[in-house]
Amino acid sequence: MFKQNKLSIGLCLGISLALVAGLNSSATAQTQSDYNGYQSNEKDATYGDAPGGLNPLDLMHRAQQLNRRSSAEFNAESQVQIQNSVSNYKQLQQQRILEQQKSNATPTDTEAQAESSTDAQ
């Protein structure tokens, strides 16, 4: 009976090891890919049949970078724009102050002129 137990335990262990090895090899085959996620007959949806080094998005990015200004040019242009905005603001502020002074001075000037004209009569 002890021999029969050993035989059944050995047989169960052998079958379970064979199953584990078989499942492991099939799982390994599914995870390994020579085509980076594509089967041999599939094409990359982004680049299609383009040659290895040709990436249209990379080409557009590089073309845009060539036409851009440097950081020094950007800083200089920004400083000029800030200075222009400040001078425009100050000019408008001066105009408004002068307009307020004229509108405030007008009633008092007309009153003073009216008083001086009545005094003169």
N, C-alpha and C. Protein backbone atom coordinates (compact mmCIF):
# COMPACT_ATOMS: atom_id res chain seq x y z
N MET A 1 0.81 -1.18 0.00
CA MET A 1 0.00 0.00 0.00
C MET A 1 0.87 1.25 0.00
N PHE A 2 2.00 1.13 0.72
CA PHE A 2 2.90 2.26 0.76
C PHE A 2 3.52 2.51 -0.61
N LYS A 3 3.77 1.41 -1.36
CA LYS A 3 4.31 1.52 -2.70
C LYS A 3 3.29 2.16 -3.63
N GLN A 4 2.05 1.83 -3.43
CA GLN A 4 1.00 2.39 -4.27
C GLN A 4 0.86 3.89 -4.01
N ASN A 5 0.97 4.33 -2.75
CA ASN A 5 0.92 5.74 -2.42
C ASN A 5 2.08 6.49 -3.07
N LYS A 6 3.28 5.89 -2.99
CA LYS A 6 4.45 6.52 -3.59
C LYS A 6 4.27 6.65 -5.10
N LEU A 7 3.72 5.61 -5.67
CA LEU A 7 3.50 5.62 -7.12
C LEU A 7 2.49 6.67 -7.52
N SER A 8 1.39 6.80 -6.79
CA SER A 8 0.37 7.79 -7.13
C SER A 8 0.87 9.21 -6.87
N ILE A 9 1.65 9.41 -5.81
CA ILE A 9 2.21 10.74 -5.53
C ILE A 9 3.21 11.10 -6.62
N GLY A 10 4.03 10.17 -7.01
CA GLY A 10 5.02 10.42 -8.07
C GLY A 10 4.35 10.72 -9.40
N LEU A 11 3.29 9.98 -9.69
CA LEU A 11 2.56 10.20 -10.92
C LEU A 11 1.88 11.57 -10.91
N CYS A 12 1.30 11.96 -9.81
CA CYS A 12 0.65 13.29 -9.70
C CYS A 12 1.68 14.40 -9.83
N LEU A 13 2.83 14.22 -9.19
CA LEU A 13 3.88 15.23 -9.30
C LEU A 13 4.38 15.34 -10.74
N GLY A 14 4.54 14.24 -11.40
CA GLY A 14 5.02 14.23 -12.78
C GLY A 14 4.05 14.93 -13.72
N ILE A 15 2.76 14.64 -13.55
CA ILE A 15 1.75 15.26 -14.39
C ILE A 15 1.68 16.76 -14.12
N SER A 16 1.72 17.14 -12.84
CA SER A 16 1.64 18.57 -12.54
C SER A 16 2.88 19.31 -13.04
N LEU A 17 4.06 18.72 -12.96
CA LEU A 17 5.26 19.36 -13.49
C LEU A 17 5.18 19.49 -15.01
N ALA A 18 4.66 18.48 -15.68
CA ALA A 18 4.52 18.54 -17.13
C ALA A 18 3.53 19.63 -17.53
N LEU A 19 2.44 19.76 -16.79
CA LEU A 19 1.46 20.82 -17.08
C LEU A 19 2.06 22.20 -16.87
N VAL A 20 2.77 22.38 -15.77
CA VAL A 20 3.38 23.68 -15.48
C VAL A 20 4.40 24.03 -16.55
N ALA A 21 5.21 23.08 -16.96
CA ALA A 21 6.21 23.34 -18.00
C ALA A 21 5.55 23.67 -19.33
N GLY A 22 4.48 22.96 -19.66
CA GLY A 22 3.78 23.23 -20.91
C GLY A 22 3.11 24.59 -20.90
N LEU A 23 2.48 24.96 -19.81
CA LEU A 23 1.85 26.27 -19.72
C LEU A 23 2.89 27.39 -19.73
N ASN A 24 4.01 27.16 -19.09
CA ASN A 24 5.05 28.17 -19.04
C ASN A 24 5.63 28.43 -20.44
N SER A 25 5.83 27.40 -21.23
CA SER A 25 6.39 27.59 -22.56
C SER A 25 5.40 28.29 -23.49
N SER A 26 4.11 28.01 -23.35
CA SER A 26 3.14 28.70 -24.19
C SER A 26 2.99 30.16 -23.78
N ALA A 27 3.08 30.45 -22.49
CA ALA A 27 3.01 31.82 -22.04
C ALA A 27 4.23 32.60 -22.51
N THR A 28 5.39 31.96 -22.50
CA THR A 28 6.61 32.60 -22.96
C THR A 28 6.53 32.89 -24.45
N ALA A 29 5.96 32.00 -25.20
CA ALA A 29 5.83 32.20 -26.65
C ALA A 29 4.90 33.37 -26.96
N GLN A 30 3.89 33.58 -26.14
CA GLN A 30 2.96 34.68 -26.38
C GLN A 30 3.56 36.03 -26.00
N THR A 31 4.45 36.05 -25.03
CA THR A 31 5.01 37.33 -24.61
C THR A 31 6.20 37.75 -25.45
N GLN A 32 6.90 36.84 -26.06
CA GLN A 32 8.05 37.20 -26.90
C GLN A 32 7.56 37.58 -28.29
N SER A 33 8.08 38.70 -28.78
CA SER A 33 7.66 39.16 -30.10
C SER A 33 8.86 39.72 -30.85
N ASP A 34 9.03 39.25 -32.05
CA ASP A 34 10.11 39.77 -32.89
C ASP A 34 9.66 41.00 -33.67
N TYR A 35 8.39 41.34 -33.62
CA TYR A 35 7.85 42.42 -34.46
C TYR A 35 7.36 43.61 -33.64
N ASN A 36 7.77 43.74 -32.39
CA ASN A 36 7.38 44.86 -31.54
C ASN A 36 5.87 45.08 -31.48
N GLY A 37 5.13 44.03 -31.28
CA GLY A 37 3.69 44.15 -31.14
C GLY A 37 2.93 43.95 -32.44
N TYR A 38 3.61 43.81 -33.55
CA TYR A 38 2.95 43.61 -34.84
C TYR A 38 3.30 42.23 -35.38
N GLN A 39 2.33 41.62 -36.01
CA GLN A 39 2.62 40.37 -36.69
C GLN A 39 3.36 40.70 -37.97
N SER A 40 3.90 39.69 -38.61
CA SER A 40 4.72 39.94 -39.80
C SER A 40 3.93 40.59 -40.93
N ASN A 41 2.63 40.36 -41.02
CA ASN A 41 1.84 40.93 -42.11
C ASN A 41 1.15 42.24 -41.74
N GLU A 42 1.33 42.73 -40.50
CA GLU A 42 0.71 43.97 -40.08
C GLU A 42 1.64 45.15 -40.33
N LYS A 43 1.02 46.33 -40.49
CA LYS A 43 1.79 47.55 -40.70
C LYS A 43 1.54 48.50 -39.55
N ASP A 44 2.50 49.34 -39.27
CA ASP A 44 2.34 50.37 -38.26
C ASP A 44 1.33 51.38 -38.78
N ALA A 45 0.27 51.66 -38.02
CA ALA A 45 -0.79 52.55 -38.47
C ALA A 45 -0.31 53.99 -38.64
N THR A 46 0.71 54.38 -37.90
CA THR A 46 1.19 55.76 -37.95
C THR A 46 2.06 56.01 -39.17
N TYR A 47 3.00 55.11 -39.43
CA TYR A 47 3.99 55.35 -40.48
C TYR A 47 3.84 54.45 -41.70
N GLY A 48 2.97 53.46 -41.65
CA GLY A 48 2.73 52.60 -42.80
C GLY A 48 3.96 51.88 -43.29
N ASP A 49 4.26 52.01 -44.58
CA ASP A 49 5.39 51.31 -45.18
C ASP A 49 6.64 52.20 -45.24
N ALA A 50 6.71 53.24 -44.43
CA ALA A 50 7.85 54.16 -44.48
C ALA A 50 9.14 53.43 -44.14
N PRO A 51 10.24 53.85 -44.77
CA PRO A 51 11.53 53.22 -44.45
C PRO A 51 11.89 53.43 -42.98
N GLY A 52 12.86 52.66 -42.50
CA GLY A 52 13.22 52.64 -41.09
C GLY A 52 13.44 53.99 -40.43
N GLY A 53 14.17 54.92 -41.03
CA GLY A 53 14.50 56.15 -40.35
C GLY A 53 13.55 57.30 -40.62
N LEU A 54 12.53 57.10 -41.41
CA LEU A 54 11.65 58.19 -41.81
C LEU A 54 10.44 58.26 -40.89
N ASN A 55 10.38 59.31 -40.09
CA ASN A 55 9.27 59.53 -39.18
C ASN A 55 8.70 60.91 -39.50
N PRO A 56 7.52 60.99 -40.11
CA PRO A 56 6.99 62.28 -40.53
C PRO A 56 6.77 63.25 -39.37
N LEU A 57 6.38 62.75 -38.22
CA LEU A 57 6.19 63.63 -37.08
C LEU A 57 7.51 64.23 -36.62
N ASP A 58 8.56 63.42 -36.67
CA ASP A 58 9.88 63.92 -36.30
C ASP A 58 10.36 64.96 -37.31
N LEU A 59 10.09 64.74 -38.58
CA LEU A 59 10.47 65.70 -39.61
C LEU A 59 9.75 67.04 -39.41
N MET A 60 8.45 67.00 -39.10
CA MET A 60 7.70 68.24 -38.86
C MET A 60 8.24 68.97 -37.63
N HIS A 61 8.54 68.21 -36.59
CA HIS A 61 9.07 68.81 -35.37
C HIS A 61 10.40 69.51 -35.65
N ARG A 62 11.27 68.86 -36.38
CA ARG A 62 12.57 69.47 -36.69
C ARG A 62 12.42 70.70 -37.57
N ALA A 63 11.49 70.67 -38.52
CA ALA A 63 11.28 71.83 -39.39
C ALA A 63 10.77 73.02 -38.57
N GLN A 64 9.91 72.77 -37.61
CA GLN A 64 9.42 73.86 -36.76
C GLN A 64 10.53 74.41 -35.89
N GLN A 65 11.40 73.54 -35.40
CA GLN A 65 12.49 73.99 -34.55
C GLN A 65 13.49 74.85 -35.32
N LEU A 66 13.68 74.59 -36.59
CA LEU A 66 14.62 75.38 -37.39
C LEU A 66 14.13 76.80 -37.59
N ASN A 67 12.83 77.00 -37.67
CA ASN A 67 12.26 78.32 -37.92
C ASN A 67 12.02 79.12 -36.64
N ARG A 68 12.28 78.56 -35.51
CA ARG A 68 12.02 79.24 -34.24
C ARG A 68 13.18 80.14 -33.87
N ARG A 69 12.87 81.12 -33.04
CA ARG A 69 13.91 82.03 -32.57
C ARG A 69 14.58 81.47 -31.32
N SER A 70 15.76 81.96 -31.04
CA SER A 70 16.50 81.48 -29.88
C SER A 70 15.92 82.09 -28.61
N SER A 71 16.37 81.60 -27.48
CA SER A 71 15.85 82.13 -26.21
C SER A 71 16.30 83.57 -26.01
N ALA A 72 17.49 83.93 -26.49
CA ALA A 72 17.95 85.32 -26.37
C ALA A 72 17.08 86.25 -27.22
N GLU A 73 16.71 85.81 -28.42
CA GLU A 73 15.83 86.61 -29.28
C GLU A 73 14.45 86.75 -28.64
N PHE A 74 13.96 85.67 -28.05
CA PHE A 74 12.66 85.71 -27.39
C PHE A 74 12.68 86.69 -26.22
N ASN A 75 13.75 86.64 -25.40
CA ASN A 75 13.85 87.55 -24.26
C ASN A 75 13.93 89.00 -24.71
N ALA A 76 14.71 89.27 -25.75
CA ALA A 76 14.84 90.64 -26.25
C ALA A 76 13.50 91.15 -26.77
N GLU A 77 12.80 90.32 -27.53
CA GLU A 77 11.49 90.71 -28.06
C GLU A 77 10.48 90.93 -26.93
N SER A 78 10.54 90.09 -25.92
CA SER A 78 9.63 90.24 -24.78
C SER A 78 9.90 91.55 -24.04
N GLN A 79 11.17 91.89 -23.84
CA GLN A 79 11.52 93.13 -23.16
C GLN A 79 11.02 94.34 -23.94
N VAL A 80 11.17 94.31 -25.27
CA VAL A 80 10.69 95.42 -26.10
C VAL A 80 9.17 95.55 -25.98
N GLN A 81 8.47 94.43 -26.02
CA GLN A 81 7.01 94.47 -25.89
C GLN A 81 6.58 94.99 -24.53
N ILE A 82 7.29 94.61 -23.48
CA ILE A 82 6.95 95.09 -22.14
C ILE A 82 7.19 96.59 -22.05
N GLN A 83 8.32 97.04 -22.58
CA GLN A 83 8.62 98.48 -22.54
C GLN A 83 7.60 99.29 -23.33
N ASN A 84 7.20 98.77 -24.49
CA ASN A 84 6.17 99.46 -25.28
C ASN A 84 4.85 99.51 -24.53
N SER A 85 4.49 98.43 -23.89
CA SER A 85 3.23 98.40 -23.13
C SER A 85 3.27 99.39 -21.97
N VAL A 86 4.41 99.45 -21.29
CA VAL A 86 4.54 100.37 -20.16
C VAL A 86 4.44 101.82 -20.65
N SER A 87 5.12 102.13 -21.75
CA SER A 87 5.07 103.52 -22.25
C SER A 87 3.66 103.87 -22.72
N ASN A 88 2.96 102.93 -23.37
CA ASN A 88 1.57 103.18 -23.78
C ASN A 88 0.68 103.40 -22.56
N TYR A 89 0.87 102.62 -21.52
CA TYR A 89 0.08 102.77 -20.29
C TYR A 89 0.33 104.15 -19.67
N LYS A 90 1.59 104.53 -19.58
CA LYS A 90 1.91 105.83 -18.97
C LYS A 90 1.34 106.98 -19.79
N GLN A 91 1.39 106.84 -21.11
CA GLN A 91 0.83 107.89 -21.97
C GLN A 91 -0.68 108.01 -21.76
N LEU A 92 -1.38 106.89 -21.75
CA LEU A 92 -2.83 106.92 -21.50
C LEU A 92 -3.14 107.47 -20.11
N GLN A 93 -2.32 107.10 -19.13
CA GLN A 93 -2.53 107.59 -17.78
C GLN A 93 -2.38 109.12 -17.73
N GLN A 94 -1.36 109.65 -18.42
CA GLN A 94 -1.16 111.10 -18.46
C GLN A 94 -2.33 111.81 -19.13
N GLN A 95 -2.83 111.21 -20.22
CA GLN A 95 -3.98 111.79 -20.92
C GLN A 95 -5.20 111.85 -20.01
N ARG A 96 -5.46 110.79 -19.29
CA ARG A 96 -6.63 110.75 -18.39
C ARG A 96 -6.46 111.77 -17.26
N ILE A 97 -5.27 111.88 -16.73
CA ILE A 97 -5.04 112.86 -15.65
C ILE A 97 -5.28 114.28 -16.17
N LEU A 98 -4.76 114.57 -17.36
CA LEU A 98 -4.98 115.90 -17.95
C LEU A 98 -6.46 116.16 -18.21
N GLU A 99 -7.17 115.15 -18.72
CA GLU A 99 -8.60 115.29 -18.97
C GLU A 99 -9.36 115.56 -17.66
N GLN A 100 -8.98 114.85 -16.60
CA GLN A 100 -9.63 115.07 -15.30
C GLN A 100 -9.32 116.47 -14.78
N GLN A 101 -8.08 116.90 -14.94
CA GLN A 101 -7.72 118.24 -14.47
C GLN A 101 -8.48 119.31 -15.25
N LYS A 102 -8.64 119.11 -16.56
CA LYS A 102 -9.40 120.07 -17.37
C LYS A 102 -10.86 120.09 -16.96
N SER A 103 -11.43 118.91 -16.74
CA SER A 103 -12.86 118.87 -16.38
C SER A 103 -13.08 119.43 -14.98
N ASN A 104 -12.14 119.23 -14.08
CA ASN A 104 -12.25 119.79 -12.72
C ASN A 104 -11.94 121.28 -12.72
N ALA A 105 -11.05 121.73 -13.56
CA ALA A 105 -10.65 123.14 -13.60
C ALA A 105 -11.69 123.98 -14.33
N THR A 106 -12.41 123.45 -15.26
CA THR A 106 -13.37 124.20 -16.06
C THR A 106 -14.47 124.82 -15.22
N PRO A 107 -15.14 124.11 -14.32
CA PRO A 107 -16.20 124.76 -13.53
C PRO A 107 -15.65 125.84 -12.61
N THR A 108 -14.51 125.62 -12.03
CA THR A 108 -13.96 126.64 -11.14
C THR A 108 -13.49 127.84 -11.93
N ASP A 109 -12.95 127.63 -13.12
CA ASP A 109 -12.51 128.75 -13.95
C ASP A 109 -13.71 129.58 -14.41
N THR A 110 -14.78 128.90 -14.78
CA THR A 110 -15.97 129.64 -15.23
C THR A 110 -16.61 130.39 -14.07
N GLU A 111 -16.58 129.81 -12.87
CA GLU A 111 -17.10 130.50 -11.69
C GLU A 111 -16.25 131.72 -11.36
N ALA A 112 -14.92 131.53 -11.47
CA ALA A 112 -14.02 132.65 -11.18
C ALA A 112 -14.20 133.76 -12.21
N GLN A 113 -14.41 133.38 -13.45
CA GLN A 113 -14.62 134.39 -14.50
C GLN A 113 -15.96 135.10 -14.28
N ALA A 114 -16.95 134.33 -13.86
CA ALA A 114 -18.27 134.93 -13.61
C ALA A 114 -18.19 135.92 -12.44
N GLU A 115 -17.47 135.54 -11.39
CA GLU A 115 -17.33 136.43 -10.23
C GLU A 115 -16.55 137.69 -10.59
N SER A 116 -15.51 137.49 -11.39
CA SER A 116 -14.70 138.66 -11.77
C SER A 116 -15.48 139.58 -12.69
N SER A 117 -16.34 139.03 -13.52
CA SER A 117 -17.13 139.88 -14.40
C SER A 117 -18.21 140.60 -13.61
N THR A 118 -18.79 139.99 -12.55
CA THR A 118 -19.78 140.68 -11.74
C THR A 118 -19.11 141.74 -10.85
N ASP A 119 -17.91 141.47 -10.43
CA ASP A 119 -17.17 142.44 -9.63
C ASP A 119 -16.79 143.65 -10.48
N ALA A 120 -16.50 143.40 -11.71
CA ALA A 120 -16.10 144.48 -12.59
C ALA A 120 -17.28 145.38 -12.90
N GLN A 121 -18.46 144.92 -12.88
CA GLN A 121 -19.63 145.72 -13.22
C GLN A 121 -20.04 146.49 -12.05
